[in-house]
Amino acid sequence: MIFVEIQKRRNDVNVDDFCKLYVLLGLSEFLLPTVSESVFGGLFSIVDELGELCNYNWGTTVFQFLVQSLYQTSTSLQADVGGGHTYIGGCVHMCCR
């Protein structure tokens, strides 16, 4: 969804907005991925301040997002929702050592 917007607007958008879309794409695909085509809502306010990206606590955000996804998955499994399929959102790679 974001990639399509980048492709459509690459010649019409200013550099700042293009960078914000590009960073949003990377964050939503790698750090905070979901199974659906939705983007974690908190990313929009984070990306609005590109200069502050280095100061943001990414580890806590990724961990909380993953834990929330695990909780939702657990709740779905207990309620027997989802037809036997289990999807976990979040960047599992960052939480493993």
PDB file of N, CA and C in Angstrom:
ATOM      1  N   MET A   1       0.822  -1.179   0.000  1.00  0.00           N
ATOM      2  CA  MET A   1       0.000   0.000   0.000  1.00  0.00           C
ATOM      3  C   MET A   1       0.879   1.261   0.000  1.00  0.00           C
ATOM      4  N   ILE A   2       1.852   1.322   0.881  1.00  0.00           N
ATOM      5  CA  ILE A   2       2.744   2.482   0.940  1.00  0.00           C
ATOM      6  C   ILE A   2       3.630   2.509  -0.292  1.00  0.00           C
ATOM      7  N   PHE A   3       4.122   1.339  -0.702  1.00  0.00           N
ATOM      8  CA  PHE A   3       4.981   1.267  -1.880  1.00  0.00           C
ATOM      9  C   PHE A   3       4.252   1.769  -3.126  1.00  0.00           C
ATOM     10  N   VAL A   4       2.984   1.426  -3.246  1.00  0.00           N
ATOM     11  CA  VAL A   4       2.178   1.887  -4.382  1.00  0.00           C
ATOM     12  C   VAL A   4       2.078   3.413  -4.363  1.00  0.00           C
ATOM     13  N   GLU A   5       1.880   3.988  -3.172  1.00  0.00           N
ATOM     14  CA  GLU A   5       1.811   5.450  -3.057  1.00  0.00           C
ATOM     15  C   GLU A   5       3.139   6.104  -3.436  1.00  0.00           C
ATOM     16  N   ILE A   6       4.231   5.493  -3.018  1.00  0.00           N
ATOM     17  CA  ILE A   6       5.550   6.026  -3.378  1.00  0.00           C
ATOM     18  C   ILE A   6       5.720   6.005  -4.891  1.00  0.00           C
ATOM     19  N   GLN A   7       5.353   4.888  -5.511  1.00  0.00           N
ATOM     20  CA  GLN A   7       5.473   4.773  -6.962  1.00  0.00           C
ATOM     21  C   GLN A   7       4.607   5.811  -7.681  1.00  0.00           C
ATOM     22  N   LYS A   8       3.371   6.001  -7.211  1.00  0.00           N
ATOM     23  CA  LYS A   8       2.463   6.945  -7.861  1.00  0.00           C
ATOM     24  C   LYS A   8       2.936   8.386  -7.709  1.00  0.00           C
ATOM     25  N   ARG A   9       3.504   8.706  -6.562  1.00  0.00           N
ATOM     26  CA  ARG A   9       3.814  10.102  -6.251  1.00  0.00           C
ATOM     27  C   ARG A   9       5.287  10.467  -6.380  1.00  0.00           C
ATOM     28  N   ARG A  10       6.107   9.574  -6.878  1.00  0.00           N
ATOM     29  CA  ARG A  10       7.550   9.826  -6.854  1.00  0.00           C
ATOM     30  C   ARG A  10       7.962  11.092  -7.603  1.00  0.00           C
ATOM     31  N   ASN A  11       7.204  11.507  -8.598  1.00  0.00           N
ATOM     32  CA  ASN A  11       7.563  12.724  -9.340  1.00  0.00           C
ATOM     33  C   ASN A  11       6.795  13.949  -8.871  1.00  0.00           C
ATOM     34  N   ASP A  12       5.752  13.754  -8.075  1.00  0.00           N
ATOM     35  CA  ASP A  12       4.888  14.854  -7.674  1.00  0.00           C
ATOM     36  C   ASP A  12       5.106  15.327  -6.243  1.00  0.00           C
ATOM     37  N   VAL A  13       5.780  14.557  -5.434  1.00  0.00           N
ATOM     38  CA  VAL A  13       5.877  14.859  -4.009  1.00  0.00           C
ATOM     39  C   VAL A  13       7.217  15.516  -3.700  1.00  0.00           C
ATOM     40  N   ASN A  14       7.230  16.381  -2.676  1.00  0.00           N
ATOM     41  CA  ASN A  14       8.499  17.011  -2.309  1.00  0.00           C
ATOM     42  C   ASN A  14       9.399  16.007  -1.595  1.00  0.00           C
ATOM     43  N   VAL A  15      10.644  16.344  -1.438  1.00  0.00           N
ATOM     44  CA  VAL A  15      11.646  15.423  -0.901  1.00  0.00           C
ATOM     45  C   VAL A  15      11.303  14.988   0.521  1.00  0.00           C
ATOM     46  N   ASP A  16      10.863  15.916   1.377  1.00  0.00           N
ATOM     47  CA  ASP A  16      10.532  15.556   2.761  1.00  0.00           C
ATOM     48  C   ASP A  16       9.411  14.531   2.835  1.00  0.00           C
ATOM     49  N   ASP A  17       8.351  14.758   2.062  1.00  0.00           N
ATOM     50  CA  ASP A  17       7.232  13.823   2.081  1.00  0.00           C
ATOM     51  C   ASP A  17       7.631  12.464   1.504  1.00  0.00           C
ATOM     52  N   PHE A  18       8.462  12.471   0.460  1.00  0.00           N
ATOM     53  CA  PHE A  18       8.940  11.215  -0.118  1.00  0.00           C
ATOM     54  C   PHE A  18       9.751  10.445   0.921  1.00  0.00           C
ATOM     55  N   CYS A  19      10.625  11.134   1.643  1.00  0.00           N
ATOM     56  CA  CYS A  19      11.434  10.472   2.673  1.00  0.00           C
ATOM     57  C   CYS A  19      10.552   9.902   3.776  1.00  0.00           C
ATOM     58  N   LYS A  20       9.526  10.654   4.169  1.00  0.00           N
ATOM     59  CA  LYS A  20       8.615  10.172   5.205  1.00  0.00           C
ATOM     60  C   LYS A  20       7.896   8.900   4.753  1.00  0.00           C
ATOM     61  N   LEU A  21       7.434   8.888   3.514  1.00  0.00           N
ATOM     62  CA  LEU A  21       6.780   7.686   2.985  1.00  0.00           C
ATOM     63  C   LEU A  21       7.749   6.510   2.937  1.00  0.00           C
ATOM     64  N   TYR A  22       8.983   6.776   2.525  1.00  0.00           N
ATOM     65  CA  TYR A  22       9.981   5.727   2.402  1.00  0.00           C
ATOM     66  C   TYR A  22      10.333   5.137   3.772  1.00  0.00           C
ATOM     67  N   VAL A  23      10.511   6.002   4.767  1.00  0.00           N
ATOM     68  CA  VAL A  23      10.807   5.546   6.120  1.00  0.00           C
ATOM     69  C   VAL A  23       9.605   4.792   6.688  1.00  0.00           C
ATOM     70  N   LEU A  24       8.410   5.310   6.440  1.00  0.00           N
ATOM     71  CA  LEU A  24       7.194   4.637   6.885  1.00  0.00           C
ATOM     72  C   LEU A  24       7.105   3.233   6.296  1.00  0.00           C
ATOM     73  N   LEU A  25       7.457   3.093   5.034  1.00  0.00           N
ATOM     74  CA  LEU A  25       7.463   1.784   4.380  1.00  0.00           C
ATOM     75  C   LEU A  25       8.422   0.832   5.092  1.00  0.00           C
ATOM     76  N   GLY A  26       9.643   1.294   5.333  1.00  0.00           N
ATOM     77  CA  GLY A  26      10.637   0.442   5.992  1.00  0.00           C
ATOM     78  C   GLY A  26      10.224   0.032   7.393  1.00  0.00           C
ATOM     79  N   LEU A  27       9.715   0.987   8.162  1.00  0.00           N
ATOM     80  CA  LEU A  27       9.311   0.689   9.533  1.00  0.00           C
ATOM     81  C   LEU A  27       8.118  -0.261   9.572  1.00  0.00           C
ATOM     82  N   SER A  28       7.156  -0.021   8.695  1.00  0.00           N
ATOM     83  CA  SER A  28       5.953  -0.850   8.724  1.00  0.00           C
ATOM     84  C   SER A  28       6.197  -2.249   8.158  1.00  0.00           C
ATOM     85  N   GLU A  29       7.187  -2.405   7.300  1.00  0.00           N
ATOM     86  CA  GLU A  29       7.477  -3.720   6.731  1.00  0.00           C
ATOM     87  C   GLU A  29       8.462  -4.532   7.560  1.00  0.00           C
ATOM     88  N   PHE A  30       9.381  -3.864   8.267  1.00  0.00           N
ATOM     89  CA  PHE A  30      10.402  -4.612   8.997  1.00  0.00           C
ATOM     90  C   PHE A  30      10.193  -4.597  10.505  1.00  0.00           C
ATOM     91  N   LEU A  31      10.056  -3.417  11.100  1.00  0.00           N
ATOM     92  CA  LEU A  31       9.968  -3.346  12.556  1.00  0.00           C
ATOM     93  C   LEU A  31       8.581  -3.664  13.101  1.00  0.00           C
ATOM     94  N   LEU A  32       7.535  -3.205  12.421  1.00  0.00           N
ATOM     95  CA  LEU A  32       6.180  -3.366  12.937  1.00  0.00           C
ATOM     96  C   LEU A  32       5.251  -3.954  11.875  1.00  0.00           C
ATOM     97  N   PRO A  33       5.607  -5.112  11.321  1.00  0.00           N
ATOM     98  CA  PRO A  33       4.771  -5.692  10.263  1.00  0.00           C
ATOM     99  C   PRO A  33       3.497  -6.328  10.818  1.00  0.00           C
ATOM    100  N   THR A  34       2.473  -6.304  10.003  1.00  0.00           N
ATOM    101  CA  THR A  34       1.223  -6.985  10.328  1.00  0.00           C
ATOM    102  C   THR A  34       0.843  -7.870   9.153  1.00  0.00           C
ATOM    103  N   VAL A  35      -0.100  -8.757   9.368  1.00  0.00           N
ATOM    104  CA  VAL A  35      -0.565  -9.636   8.309  1.00  0.00           C
ATOM    105  C   VAL A  35      -1.473  -8.861   7.358  1.00  0.00           C
ATOM    106  N   SER A  36      -2.224  -7.929   7.908  1.00  0.00           N
ATOM    107  CA  SER A  36      -3.125  -7.125   7.083  1.00  0.00           C
ATOM    108  C   SER A  36      -2.339  -6.026   6.374  1.00  0.00           C
ATOM    109  N   GLU A  37      -3.003  -5.266   5.559  1.00  0.00           N
ATOM    110  CA  GLU A  37      -2.346  -4.178   4.846  1.00  0.00           C
ATOM    111  C   GLU A  37      -2.393  -2.879   5.631  1.00  0.00           C
ATOM    112  N   SER A  38      -2.709  -2.950   6.911  1.00  0.00           N
ATOM    113  CA  SER A  38      -2.785  -1.742   7.728  1.00  0.00           C
ATOM    114  C   SER A  38      -1.414  -1.388   8.289  1.00  0.00           C
ATOM    115  N   VAL A  39      -1.260  -0.138   8.642  1.00  0.00           N
ATOM    116  CA  VAL A  39      -0.019   0.371   9.210  1.00  0.00           C
ATOM    117  C   VAL A  39      -0.287   0.719  10.672  1.00  0.00           C
ATOM    118  N   PHE A  40       0.640   0.366  11.545  1.00  0.00           N
ATOM    119  CA  PHE A  40       0.535   0.709  12.959  1.00  0.00           C
ATOM    120  C   PHE A  40       0.370   2.221  13.082  1.00  0.00           C
ATOM    121  N   GLY A  41      -0.738   2.643  13.662  1.00  0.00           N
ATOM    122  CA  GLY A  41      -1.105   4.060  13.707  1.00  0.00           C
ATOM    123  C   GLY A  41      -0.068   4.981  14.323  1.00  0.00           C
ATOM    124  N   GLY A  42       0.673   4.501  15.304  1.00  0.00           N
ATOM    125  CA  GLY A  42       1.674   5.329  15.960  1.00  0.00           C
ATOM    126  C   GLY A  42       2.823   5.751  15.062  1.00  0.00           C
ATOM    127  N   LEU A  43       3.004   5.051  13.954  1.00  0.00           N
ATOM    128  CA  LEU A  43       4.120   5.373  13.060  1.00  0.00           C
ATOM    129  C   LEU A  43       3.967   6.734  12.389  1.00  0.00           C
ATOM    130  N   PHE A  44       2.742   7.149  12.141  1.00  0.00           N
ATOM    131  CA  PHE A  44       2.543   8.406  11.424  1.00  0.00           C
ATOM    132  C   PHE A  44       3.089   9.591  12.207  1.00  0.00           C
ATOM    133  N   SER A  45       2.815   9.641  13.496  1.00  0.00           N
ATOM    134  CA  SER A  45       3.328  10.755  14.304  1.00  0.00           C
ATOM    135  C   SER A  45       4.840  10.668  14.469  1.00  0.00           C
ATOM    136  N   ILE A  46       5.371   9.441  14.514  1.00  0.00           N
ATOM    137  CA  ILE A  46       6.823   9.268  14.639  1.00  0.00           C
ATOM    138  C   ILE A  46       7.526   9.748  13.374  1.00  0.00           C
ATOM    139  N   VAL A  47       6.996   9.383  12.222  1.00  0.00           N
ATOM    140  CA  VAL A  47       7.626   9.717  10.943  1.00  0.00           C
ATOM    141  C   VAL A  47       7.497  11.204  10.619  1.00  0.00           C
ATOM    142  N   ASP A  48       6.506  11.875  11.179  1.00  0.00           N
ATOM    143  CA  ASP A  48       6.357  13.317  10.943  1.00  0.00           C
ATOM    144  C   ASP A  48       7.583  14.096  11.391  1.00  0.00           C
ATOM    145  N   GLU A  49       8.305  13.577  12.378  1.00  0.00           N
ATOM    146  CA  GLU A  49       9.514  14.238  12.878  1.00  0.00           C
ATOM    147  C   GLU A  49      10.733  13.405  12.498  1.00  0.00           C
ATOM    148  N   LEU A  50      11.142  13.490  11.235  1.00  0.00           N
ATOM    149  CA  LEU A  50      12.265  12.664  10.757  1.00  0.00           C
ATOM    150  C   LEU A  50      13.551  12.904  11.547  1.00  0.00           C
ATOM    151  N   GLY A  51      13.768  14.116  11.991  1.00  0.00           N
ATOM    152  CA  GLY A  51      14.982  14.434  12.738  1.00  0.00           C
ATOM    153  C   GLY A  51      15.061  13.761  14.093  1.00  0.00           C
ATOM    154  N   GLU A  52      13.942  13.292  14.599  1.00  0.00           N
ATOM    155  CA  GLU A  52      13.899  12.664  15.918  1.00  0.00           C
ATOM    156  C   GLU A  52      13.923  11.137  15.866  1.00  0.00           C
ATOM    157  N   LEU A  53      14.011  10.552  14.676  1.00  0.00           N
ATOM    158  CA  LEU A  53      13.985   9.088  14.553  1.00  0.00           C
ATOM    159  C   LEU A  53      15.089   8.409  15.359  1.00  0.00           C
ATOM    160  N   CYS A  54      16.256   9.044  15.419  1.00  0.00           N
ATOM    161  CA  CYS A  54      17.389   8.450  16.142  1.00  0.00           C
ATOM    162  C   CYS A  54      17.163   8.442  17.645  1.00  0.00           C
ATOM    163  N   ASN A  55      16.345   9.362  18.145  1.00  0.00           N
ATOM    164  CA  ASN A  55      16.119   9.471  19.583  1.00  0.00           C
ATOM    165  C   ASN A  55      14.949   8.635  20.075  1.00  0.00           C
ATOM    166  N   TYR A  56      14.221   8.022  19.158  1.00  0.00           N
ATOM    167  CA  TYR A  56      13.035   7.260  19.526  1.00  0.00           C
ATOM    168  C   TYR A  56      13.432   5.906  20.114  1.00  0.00           C
ATOM    169  N   ASN A  57      12.686   5.424  21.098  1.00  0.00           N
ATOM    170  CA  ASN A  57      12.970   4.148  21.755  1.00  0.00           C
ATOM    171  C   ASN A  57      12.355   3.001  20.944  1.00  0.00           C
ATOM    172  N   TRP A  58      13.072   2.567  19.917  1.00  0.00           N
ATOM    173  CA  TRP A  58      12.561   1.550  19.008  1.00  0.00           C
ATOM    174  C   TRP A  58      12.443   0.188  19.664  1.00  0.00           C
ATOM    175  N   GLY A  59      13.363  -0.158  20.524  1.00  0.00           N
ATOM    176  CA  GLY A  59      13.329  -1.454  21.180  1.00  0.00           C
ATOM    177  C   GLY A  59      12.058  -1.666  21.979  1.00  0.00           C
ATOM    178  N   THR A  60      11.671  -0.669  22.763  1.00  0.00           N
ATOM    179  CA  THR A  60      10.450  -0.768  23.558  1.00  0.00           C
ATOM    180  C   THR A  60       9.227  -0.846  22.666  1.00  0.00           C
ATOM    181  N   THR A  61       9.185  -0.046  21.615  1.00  0.00           N
ATOM    182  CA  THR A  61       8.040  -0.049  20.703  1.00  0.00           C
ATOM    183  C   THR A  61       7.877  -1.397  20.029  1.00  0.00           C
ATOM    184  N   VAL A  62       8.976  -1.947  19.518  1.00  0.00           N
ATOM    185  CA  VAL A  62       8.929  -3.241  18.831  1.00  0.00           C
ATOM    186  C   VAL A  62       8.519  -4.334  19.814  1.00  0.00           C
ATOM    187  N   PHE A  63       9.067  -4.298  21.023  1.00  0.00           N
ATOM    188  CA  PHE A  63       8.735  -5.297  22.030  1.00  0.00           C
ATOM    189  C   PHE A  63       7.257  -5.225  22.410  1.00  0.00           C
ATOM    190  N   GLN A  64       6.748  -4.024  22.663  1.00  0.00           N
ATOM    191  CA  GLN A  64       5.341  -3.866  23.036  1.00  0.00           C
ATOM    192  C   GLN A  64       4.411  -4.313  21.906  1.00  0.00           C
ATOM    193  N   PHE A  65       4.778  -3.992  20.683  1.00  0.00           N
ATOM    194  CA  PHE A  65       3.982  -4.403  19.519  1.00  0.00           C
ATOM    195  C   PHE A  65       3.938  -5.926  19.413  1.00  0.00           C
ATOM    196  N   LEU A  66       5.084  -6.571  19.616  1.00  0.00           N
ATOM    197  CA  LEU A  66       5.160  -8.029  19.553  1.00  0.00           C
ATOM    198  C   LEU A  66       4.355  -8.674  20.680  1.00  0.00           C
ATOM    199  N   VAL A  67       4.473  -8.151  21.895  1.00  0.00           N
ATOM    200  CA  VAL A  67       3.734  -8.696  23.032  1.00  0.00           C
ATOM    201  C   VAL A  67       2.230  -8.536  22.809  1.00  0.00           C
ATOM    202  N   GLN A  68       1.818  -7.395  22.286  1.00  0.00           N
ATOM    203  CA  GLN A  68       0.396  -7.176  21.983  1.00  0.00           C
ATOM    204  C   GLN A  68      -0.085  -8.205  20.957  1.00  0.00           C
ATOM    205  N   SER A  69       0.717  -8.470  19.957  1.00  0.00           N
ATOM    206  CA  SER A  69       0.360  -9.458  18.944  1.00  0.00           C
ATOM    207  C   SER A  69       0.273 -10.861  19.541  1.00  0.00           C
ATOM    208  N   LEU A  70       1.216 -11.210  20.416  1.00  0.00           N
ATOM    209  CA  LEU A  70       1.179 -12.514  21.068  1.00  0.00           C
ATOM    210  C   LEU A  70      -0.064 -12.656  21.943  1.00  0.00           C
ATOM    211  N   TYR A  71      -0.435 -11.592  22.630  1.00  0.00           N
ATOM    212  CA  TYR A  71      -1.636 -11.609  23.462  1.00  0.00           C
ATOM    213  C   TYR A  71      -2.883 -11.820  22.598  1.00  0.00           C
ATOM    214  N   GLN A  72      -2.973 -11.087  21.494  1.00  0.00           N
ATOM    215  CA  GLN A  72      -4.124 -11.235  20.601  1.00  0.00           C
ATOM    216  C   GLN A  72      -4.179 -12.647  20.007  1.00  0.00           C
ATOM    217  N   THR A  73      -3.030 -13.199  19.665  1.00  0.00           N
ATOM    218  CA  THR A  73      -2.971 -14.553  19.133  1.00  0.00           C
ATOM    219  C   THR A  73      -3.415 -15.565  20.183  1.00  0.00           C
ATOM    220  N   SER A  74      -2.938 -15.386  21.402  1.00  0.00           N
ATOM    221  CA  SER A  74      -3.329 -16.269  22.494  1.00  0.00           C
ATOM    222  C   SER A  74      -4.829 -16.222  22.736  1.00  0.00           C
ATOM    223  N   THR A  75      -5.383 -15.022  22.732  1.00  0.00           N
ATOM    224  CA  THR A  75      -6.823 -14.854  22.923  1.00  0.00           C
ATOM    225  C   THR A  75      -7.598 -15.530  21.798  1.00  0.00           C
ATOM    226  N   SER A  76      -7.128 -15.386  20.563  1.00  0.00           N
ATOM    227  CA  SER A  76      -7.790 -16.022  19.417  1.00  0.00           C
ATOM    228  C   SER A  76      -7.731 -17.537  19.512  1.00  0.00           C
ATOM    229  N   LEU A  77      -6.582 -18.064  19.937  1.00  0.00           N
ATOM    230  CA  LEU A  77      -6.443 -19.512  20.062  1.00  0.00           C
ATOM    231  C   LEU A  77      -7.357 -20.067  21.149  1.00  0.00           C
ATOM    232  N   GLN A  78      -7.450 -19.331  22.253  1.00  0.00           N
ATOM    233  CA  GLN A  78      -8.320 -19.777  23.346  1.00  0.00           C
ATOM    234  C   GLN A  78      -9.787 -19.739  22.934  1.00  0.00           C
ATOM    235  N   ALA A  79     -10.160 -18.769  22.111  1.00  0.00           N
ATOM    236  CA  ALA A  79     -11.546 -18.646  21.651  1.00  0.00           C
ATOM    237  C   ALA A  79     -11.801 -19.513  20.420  1.00  0.00           C
ATOM    238  N   ASP A  80     -10.742 -20.181  19.945  1.00  0.00           N
ATOM    239  CA  ASP A  80     -10.823 -21.028  18.755  1.00  0.00           C
ATOM    240  C   ASP A  80     -11.296 -20.232  17.534  1.00  0.00           C
ATOM    241  N   VAL A  81     -10.697 -19.048  17.362  1.00  0.00           N
ATOM    242  CA  VAL A  81     -11.000 -18.178  16.221  1.00  0.00           C
ATOM    243  C   VAL A  81      -9.834 -18.259  15.248  1.00  0.00           C
ATOM    244  N   GLY A  82     -10.111 -18.206  13.957  1.00  0.00           N
ATOM    245  CA  GLY A  82      -9.041 -18.162  12.967  1.00  0.00           C
ATOM    246  C   GLY A  82      -8.880 -19.439  12.171  1.00  0.00           C
ATOM    247  N   GLY A  83      -9.661 -20.436  12.474  1.00  0.00           N
ATOM    248  CA  GLY A  83      -9.621 -21.647  11.670  1.00  0.00           C
ATOM    249  C   GLY A  83      -8.307 -22.396  11.708  1.00  0.00           C
ATOM    250  N   GLY A  84      -7.590 -22.333  12.828  1.00  0.00           N
ATOM    251  CA  GLY A  84      -6.349 -23.064  12.954  1.00  0.00           C
ATOM    252  C   GLY A  84      -5.122 -22.337  12.458  1.00  0.00           C
ATOM    253  N   HIS A  85      -5.300 -21.117  11.925  1.00  0.00           N
ATOM    254  CA  HIS A  85      -4.150 -20.332  11.466  1.00  0.00           C
ATOM    255  C   HIS A  85      -3.745 -19.343  12.549  1.00  0.00           C
ATOM    256  N   THR A  86      -2.458 -19.221  12.757  1.00  0.00           N
ATOM    257  CA  THR A  86      -1.949 -18.291  13.757  1.00  0.00           C
ATOM    258  C   THR A  86      -0.955 -17.347  13.101  1.00  0.00           C
ATOM    259  N   TYR A  87      -1.199 -16.063  13.227  1.00  0.00           N
ATOM    260  CA  TYR A  87      -0.298 -15.051  12.683  1.00  0.00           C
ATOM    261  C   TYR A  87       0.164 -14.149  13.812  1.00  0.00           C
ATOM    262  N   ILE A  88       1.446 -13.891  13.829  1.00  0.00           N
ATOM    263  CA  ILE A  88       2.007 -13.010  14.847  1.00  0.00           C
ATOM    264  C   ILE A  88       2.590 -11.802  14.134  1.00  0.00           C
ATOM    265  N   GLY A  89       2.168 -10.616  14.544  1.00  0.00           N
ATOM    266  CA  GLY A  89       2.710  -9.388  13.978  1.00  0.00           C
ATOM    267  C   GLY A  89       3.921  -8.951  14.782  1.00  0.00           C
ATOM    268  N   GLY A  90       4.744  -8.139  14.196  1.00  0.00           N
ATOM    269  CA  GLY A  90       5.908  -7.621  14.905  1.00  0.00           C
ATOM    270  C   GLY A  90       7.195  -8.227  14.389  1.00  0.00           C
ATOM    271  N   CYS A  91       8.278  -7.634  14.802  1.00  0.00           N
ATOM    272  CA  CYS A  91       9.611  -8.054  14.350  1.00  0.00           C
ATOM    273  C   CYS A  91      10.197  -9.042  15.352  1.00  0.00           C
ATOM    274  N   VAL A  92       9.997 -10.300  15.096  1.00  0.00           N
ATOM    275  CA  VAL A  92      10.492 -11.349  15.981  1.00  0.00           C
ATOM    276  C   VAL A  92      12.020 -11.359  15.985  1.00  0.00           C
ATOM    277  N   HIS A  93      12.646 -10.981  14.896  1.00  0.00           N
ATOM    278  CA  HIS A  93      14.103 -11.009  14.762  1.00  0.00           C
ATOM    279  C   HIS A  93      14.799 -10.124  15.787  1.00  0.00           C
ATOM    280  N   MET A  94      14.210  -8.982  16.122  1.00  0.00           N
ATOM    281  CA  MET A  94      14.842  -8.069  17.071  1.00  0.00           C
ATOM    282  C   MET A  94      14.771  -8.581  18.500  1.00  0.00           C
ATOM    283  N   CYS A  95      13.818  -9.449  18.787  1.00  0.00           N
ATOM    284  CA  CYS A  95      13.615  -9.908  20.154  1.00  0.00           C
ATOM    285  C   CYS A  95      14.386 -11.191  20.442  1.00  0.00           C
ATOM    286  N   CYS A  96      15.044 -11.752  19.457  1.00  0.00           N
ATOM    287  CA  CYS A  96      15.814 -12.987  19.640  1.00  0.00           C
ATOM    288  C   CYS A  96      17.298 -12.659  19.714  1.00  0.00           C
ATOM    289  N   ARG A  97      18.011 -13.440  20.459  1.00  0.00           N
ATOM    290  CA  ARG A  97      19.457 -13.239  20.538  1.00  0.00           C
ATOM    291  C   ARG A  97      20.174 -14.413  19.967  1.00  0.00           C
TER     292      ARG A  97
END
